[in-house]
Every structure is written in structure tokens, then in C-alpha cells.
Amino acid sequence: MIGDILRALSQLGDPRFRGVLLAGVGLSVALLAGFSAILIWGAQWLVGPSVTLPWLGEVTWLDNAAGWAAVPFTLIASIFLMVPVASAFTGLFLDRIADAVEARHYPGLPPARRQGWGEMLRESAGFLGLVVGVNLLALVAYLVLAPLALFIFWAVNGFLLGREYAQLVAARHLSQAEAAGFRTRYRGRIWGLGVLMAVPLSVPVLNLLVPVVGAAAFTHLFHRIQASAAR
């Protein structure tokens, strides 16, 4: 699995990778910046432009203080937000990344099955809802088992991301039912690689690479398993 990630990283200089990476980073930054702006504005709006306090009288700086206080929260929230952002972008950009990987490392393959935009959007939206729902439920575990919260985050989202990446990559060359069977049969390896992809999601800036590297790494994993099974 480490080899799959290293091979994916070695191809980051590919123009096709760079195009998807720039698009993904741009969209991710725009979404996270929009969320941060709304959160900071909301904190300032709740406090109001001025507050009258006992002994101090009218205080006009609390709204700015509330806005600044919201900044660390947005940085922490961005870690959790990158999970649904990464999963949503995966379905939209995976074909381009997988095409680039297969052209360089697996020439001679039959043409991949193409998903229509409607199918991709439907699957991405469905998985986005699953990721958000599961992470909201996992908040209880994060709070109750606070010292283990990061490990729980990696395990839960590694499973979810592995499930999504593996299904999408396998469905390029197999039917949906066969892709689901592949995902079930090799769930241990898929979960392991998913966890390795979830770890950098918890690192700001580095997490922006995950959709591209993840799509490439799971493409390598799929073809490596298929080649091994064919022997």
C-alpha cells in the first residue's frame, strides 16, 4: 500500500495531475474560505457592534474579538470539512486521474467504462451525505473518547474513503455489482489504504492533495490486486 502511494506521488508532475490538483485545490479553498467567512461573520453578528457591560460601559470591540476567536475553530473545522470535500471531488475528478495512471503504468487496458455526469453526481451526493452523517454520529465517540479522537477519525474516515475510492475505481472496469464484490472481498487492504489517505486529511494544506493522490493510489491498488488474482 505504501508503494501504491509512492507511485501516486511520483506522478504529481504529470500535467493531467496538475490540472486536477489546481482545480481541486481552488474549489476546496473556495469552499473552506466561504465557510470561514460565514462563521466569522456569524460570530460578529451574534455579539453585535457594541455591548454595554457593568462598570465598563459601552464596549465596541467585542465583535472583532469574537471574529478572531472563531479563527482557531475554523482551522479545526477545516480538518473535518476536508473529508466530505475530498469525497465529493473524488467522483468528479477520478476518471482524469485514473486515465493518467493507466496510460503511464498500465498500457493496453481495454477502454474504461465511463460514468455519466448524472451518475457521478448522484453517487458523490449520496456518499457525501453518508460521510457527513457518519461523522456527526462519530462526534459522540470523539467527545467521550477525546484522547483517541484522532485515531477514531482516521479509522472511521479511512473506512469511508476506502469504500468510495475502491468502488469508483473498480466500476471503471467492472459492473457495479462486481465492483461491490471487489470492495467486499478485499476490504482489509482497502480499509488500510483508506486510513493512510485519512491521516493527511488531518493536516491542513497537505489535506488538499488527498483527492488526487487517493484516486491514483487506489487505481494502483485495484490493478495490482487484479493482476495478482489473474495469476
Protein backbone atom coordinates (compact mmCIF):
# COMPACT_ATOMS: atom_id res chain seq x y z
CA MET A 1 0.00 0.00 0.00
CA ILE A 2 2.90 2.35 0.72
CA GLY A 3 4.18 1.52 -2.75
CA ASP A 4 0.82 2.49 -4.26
CA ILE A 5 1.01 5.88 -2.53
CA LEU A 6 4.63 6.44 -3.57
CA ARG A 7 3.80 5.66 -7.20
CA ALA A 8 0.89 8.09 -7.00
CA LEU A 9 3.12 10.81 -5.52
CA SER A 10 5.77 10.24 -8.20
CA GLN A 11 3.24 11.24 -10.87
CA LEU A 12 2.25 14.60 -9.34
CA GLY A 13 4.33 16.35 -12.01
CA ASP A 14 2.08 14.92 -14.76
CA PRO A 15 0.22 17.82 -16.46
CA ARG A 16 -3.07 15.92 -16.08
CA PHE A 17 -2.45 15.57 -12.35
CA ARG A 18 -1.56 19.25 -12.04
CA GLY A 19 -4.75 20.34 -13.79
CA VAL A 20 -6.96 18.30 -11.48
CA LEU A 21 -4.89 19.30 -8.45
CA LEU A 22 -5.24 23.01 -9.23
CA ALA A 23 -8.98 22.64 -9.83
CA GLY A 24 -9.42 20.63 -6.63
CA VAL A 25 -7.31 22.99 -4.52
CA GLY A 26 -9.16 26.00 -5.93
CA LEU A 27 -12.58 24.53 -5.19
CA SER A 28 -11.51 23.29 -1.74
CA VAL A 29 -10.01 26.64 -0.75
CA ALA A 30 -13.08 28.48 -2.03
CA LEU A 31 -15.45 26.28 -0.03
CA LEU A 32 -13.38 26.43 3.15
CA ALA A 33 -12.87 30.21 2.81
CA GLY A 34 -16.61 30.66 2.34
CA PHE A 35 -17.34 28.56 5.43
CA SER A 36 -14.76 30.52 7.46
CA ALA A 37 -16.17 33.86 6.34
CA ILE A 38 -19.72 32.82 7.26
CA LEU A 39 -18.59 31.53 10.66
CA ILE A 40 -16.61 34.69 11.49
CA TRP A 41 -19.43 36.95 10.29
CA GLY A 42 -21.93 34.91 12.32
CA ALA A 43 -19.83 35.25 15.50
CA GLN A 44 -19.59 39.01 14.99
CA TRP A 45 -23.31 39.29 14.26
CA LEU A 46 -24.26 37.37 17.41
CA VAL A 47 -22.14 39.67 19.57
CA GLY A 48 -23.25 42.85 17.82
CA PRO A 49 -21.32 46.06 17.18
CA SER A 50 -21.42 47.16 20.82
CA VAL A 51 -22.28 45.78 24.23
CA THR A 52 -22.91 47.61 27.49
CA LEU A 53 -21.16 45.92 30.40
CA PRO A 54 -21.35 46.70 34.13
CA TRP A 55 -18.58 49.06 35.26
CA LEU A 56 -17.09 49.13 31.76
CA GLY A 57 -19.93 50.87 29.97
CA GLU A 58 -20.22 50.52 26.20
CA VAL A 59 -17.69 48.15 24.62
CA THR A 60 -17.30 48.31 20.85
CA TRP A 61 -14.54 45.78 20.24
CA LEU A 62 -16.22 42.53 21.27
CA ASP A 63 -17.48 41.77 17.74
CA ASN A 64 -13.91 41.88 16.40
CA ALA A 65 -12.74 39.74 19.32
CA ALA A 66 -15.46 37.20 18.57
CA GLY A 67 -14.41 37.13 14.93
CA TRP A 68 -10.78 36.46 15.83
CA ALA A 69 -11.84 33.85 18.38
CA ALA A 70 -13.65 31.98 15.58
CA VAL A 71 -10.45 31.64 13.53
CA PRO A 72 -8.91 28.72 15.51
CA PHE A 73 -12.28 26.96 15.38
CA THR A 74 -12.40 27.28 11.59
CA LEU A 75 -8.90 25.75 11.32
CA ILE A 76 -10.01 22.75 13.40
CA ALA A 77 -13.31 22.51 11.50
CA SER A 78 -11.43 22.53 8.18
CA ILE A 79 -9.92 19.15 9.09
CA PHE A 80 -13.37 17.61 9.37
CA LEU A 81 -14.73 19.55 6.39
CA MET A 82 -11.98 18.23 4.11
CA VAL A 83 -13.42 14.72 4.43
CA PRO A 84 -16.70 15.48 2.63
CA VAL A 85 -14.94 17.94 0.31
CA ALA A 86 -12.37 15.32 -0.70
CA SER A 87 -15.01 12.63 -1.16
CA ALA A 88 -17.20 14.92 -3.27
CA PHE A 89 -14.33 15.90 -5.58
CA THR A 90 -13.17 12.30 -5.96
CA GLY A 91 -16.19 11.29 -8.03
CA LEU A 92 -15.85 14.34 -10.25
CA PHE A 93 -12.12 14.10 -10.98
CA LEU A 94 -11.31 10.40 -10.57
CA ASP A 95 -11.63 9.50 -14.26
CA ARG A 96 -8.99 12.04 -15.29
CA ILE A 97 -6.52 10.82 -12.66
CA ALA A 98 -7.19 7.13 -13.33
CA ASP A 99 -6.78 7.71 -17.09
CA ALA A 100 -3.38 9.33 -16.49
CA VAL A 101 -2.25 6.50 -14.18
CA GLU A 102 -3.40 3.76 -16.55
CA ALA A 103 -1.85 5.45 -19.60
CA ARG A 104 1.55 5.55 -17.91
CA HIS A 105 1.60 2.34 -15.86
CA TYR A 106 -0.99 0.01 -17.42
CA PRO A 107 -0.95 0.49 -21.21
CA GLY A 108 -3.02 -1.85 -23.30
CA LEU A 109 -6.01 -2.00 -20.99
CA PRO A 110 -9.46 -2.08 -22.62
CA PRO A 111 -11.31 1.27 -22.52
CA ALA A 112 -12.71 2.11 -19.09
CA ARG A 113 -16.45 2.25 -18.56
CA ARG A 114 -17.50 5.90 -18.48
CA GLN A 115 -19.98 7.13 -15.91
CA GLY A 116 -22.33 9.90 -16.97
CA TRP A 117 -22.34 13.18 -15.06
CA GLY A 118 -25.73 12.32 -13.63
CA GLU A 119 -24.45 9.01 -12.23
CA MET A 120 -21.29 10.61 -10.86
CA LEU A 121 -23.18 13.48 -9.21
CA ARG A 122 -25.73 11.07 -7.74
CA GLU A 123 -23.06 8.81 -6.27
CA SER A 124 -20.97 11.73 -5.00
CA ALA A 125 -24.00 13.33 -3.36
CA GLY A 126 -25.04 10.02 -1.78
CA PHE A 127 -21.57 9.38 -0.41
CA LEU A 128 -21.27 12.97 0.78
CA GLY A 129 -24.44 12.50 2.82
CA LEU A 130 -23.09 9.22 4.22
CA VAL A 131 -19.78 10.81 5.25
CA VAL A 132 -21.46 13.78 6.93
CA GLY A 133 -23.98 11.54 8.73
CA VAL A 134 -21.38 9.05 9.99
CA ASN A 135 -19.06 11.84 11.18
CA LEU A 136 -21.91 13.53 13.03
CA LEU A 137 -22.62 10.23 14.80
CA ALA A 138 -18.90 9.80 15.47
CA LEU A 139 -18.85 13.15 17.31
CA VAL A 140 -20.15 11.28 20.36
CA ALA A 141 -17.11 8.98 20.25
CA TYR A 142 -14.80 11.96 19.67
CA LEU A 143 -16.15 13.65 22.82
CA VAL A 144 -16.39 10.57 25.06
CA LEU A 145 -13.00 9.19 23.98
CA ALA A 146 -11.26 12.53 23.45
CA PRO A 147 -7.66 11.20 23.78
CA LEU A 148 -8.41 8.72 20.99
CA ALA A 149 -10.43 11.12 18.83
CA LEU A 150 -7.79 11.45 16.10
CA PHE A 151 -7.39 7.66 15.80
CA ILE A 152 -11.16 7.22 15.65
CA PHE A 153 -11.29 9.92 12.94
CA TRP A 154 -8.65 8.07 10.89
CA ALA A 155 -10.33 4.68 11.32
CA VAL A 156 -13.86 5.87 10.51
CA ASN A 157 -12.93 8.06 7.57
CA GLY A 158 -10.35 5.58 6.31
CA PHE A 159 -13.15 3.04 6.02
CA LEU A 160 -15.47 5.53 4.29
CA LEU A 161 -12.89 6.91 1.88
CA GLY A 162 -11.57 3.43 1.06
CA ARG A 163 -15.09 2.27 0.31
CA GLU A 164 -15.72 5.21 -2.03
CA TYR A 165 -12.37 5.17 -3.85
CA ALA A 166 -12.40 1.40 -4.33
CA GLN A 167 -15.95 1.37 -5.67
CA LEU A 168 -15.33 4.21 -8.12
CA VAL A 169 -12.02 2.82 -9.39
CA ALA A 170 -13.32 -0.75 -9.75
CA ALA A 171 -16.51 0.41 -11.50
CA ARG A 172 -14.37 1.75 -14.36
CA HIS A 173 -13.59 -1.84 -15.40
CA LEU A 174 -16.28 -3.93 -13.67
CA SER A 175 -20.04 -3.76 -13.33
CA GLN A 176 -21.38 -2.03 -10.22
CA ALA A 177 -22.19 -5.42 -8.67
CA GLU A 178 -18.72 -6.77 -9.45
CA ALA A 179 -17.13 -3.58 -8.09
CA ALA A 180 -19.10 -4.00 -4.85
CA GLY A 181 -17.89 -7.63 -4.68
CA PHE A 182 -14.28 -6.50 -5.18
CA ARG A 183 -14.70 -3.95 -2.39
CA THR A 184 -16.09 -6.59 -0.03
CA ARG A 185 -13.53 -9.26 -0.90
CA TYR A 186 -10.53 -7.00 -0.31
CA ARG A 187 -12.00 -4.79 2.41
CA GLY A 188 -8.97 -5.20 4.70
CA ARG A 189 -6.48 -3.82 2.18
CA ILE A 190 -8.97 -1.18 1.05
CA TRP A 191 -9.53 -0.01 4.62
CA GLY A 192 -5.77 0.06 5.25
CA LEU A 193 -5.10 2.29 2.25
CA GLY A 194 -8.12 4.41 3.19
CA VAL A 195 -6.64 5.01 6.64
CA LEU A 196 -3.33 6.05 5.05
CA MET A 197 -5.34 8.56 2.99
CA ALA A 198 -7.30 9.76 6.04
CA VAL A 199 -4.14 10.61 8.02
CA PRO A 200 -3.08 13.55 5.80
CA LEU A 201 -6.70 14.77 5.85
CA SER A 202 -5.99 15.85 9.43
CA VAL A 203 -3.05 18.05 8.31
CA PRO A 204 -4.06 21.48 6.93
CA VAL A 205 -2.70 22.24 3.41
CA LEU A 206 -1.43 18.65 2.99
CA ASN A 207 -5.06 17.52 3.01
CA LEU A 208 -5.59 19.33 -0.30
CA LEU A 209 -3.52 16.63 -2.05
CA VAL A 210 -5.66 13.75 -0.81
CA PRO A 211 -8.31 13.62 -3.59
CA VAL A 212 -5.66 13.39 -6.33
CA VAL A 213 -3.20 11.10 -4.54
CA GLY A 214 -6.04 8.93 -3.25
CA ALA A 215 -7.56 8.42 -6.69
CA ALA A 216 -4.16 7.48 -8.12
CA ALA A 217 -3.19 5.19 -5.22
CA PHE A 218 -6.47 3.26 -5.38
CA THR A 219 -6.07 2.87 -9.14
CA HIS A 220 -2.70 1.21 -8.47
CA LEU A 221 -4.22 -0.93 -5.70
CA PHE A 222 -7.03 -2.15 -7.96
CA HIS A 223 -4.75 -3.16 -10.84
CA ARG A 224 -2.21 -4.75 -8.51
CA ILE A 225 -4.91 -6.92 -6.93
CA GLN A 226 -6.42 -7.81 -10.32
CA ALA A 227 -3.03 -8.80 -11.70
CA SER A 228 -2.31 -10.94 -8.64
CA ALA A 229 -5.73 -12.65 -8.83
CA ALA A 230 -5.20 -13.43 -12.54
CA ARG A 231 -2.01 -15.41 -11.91
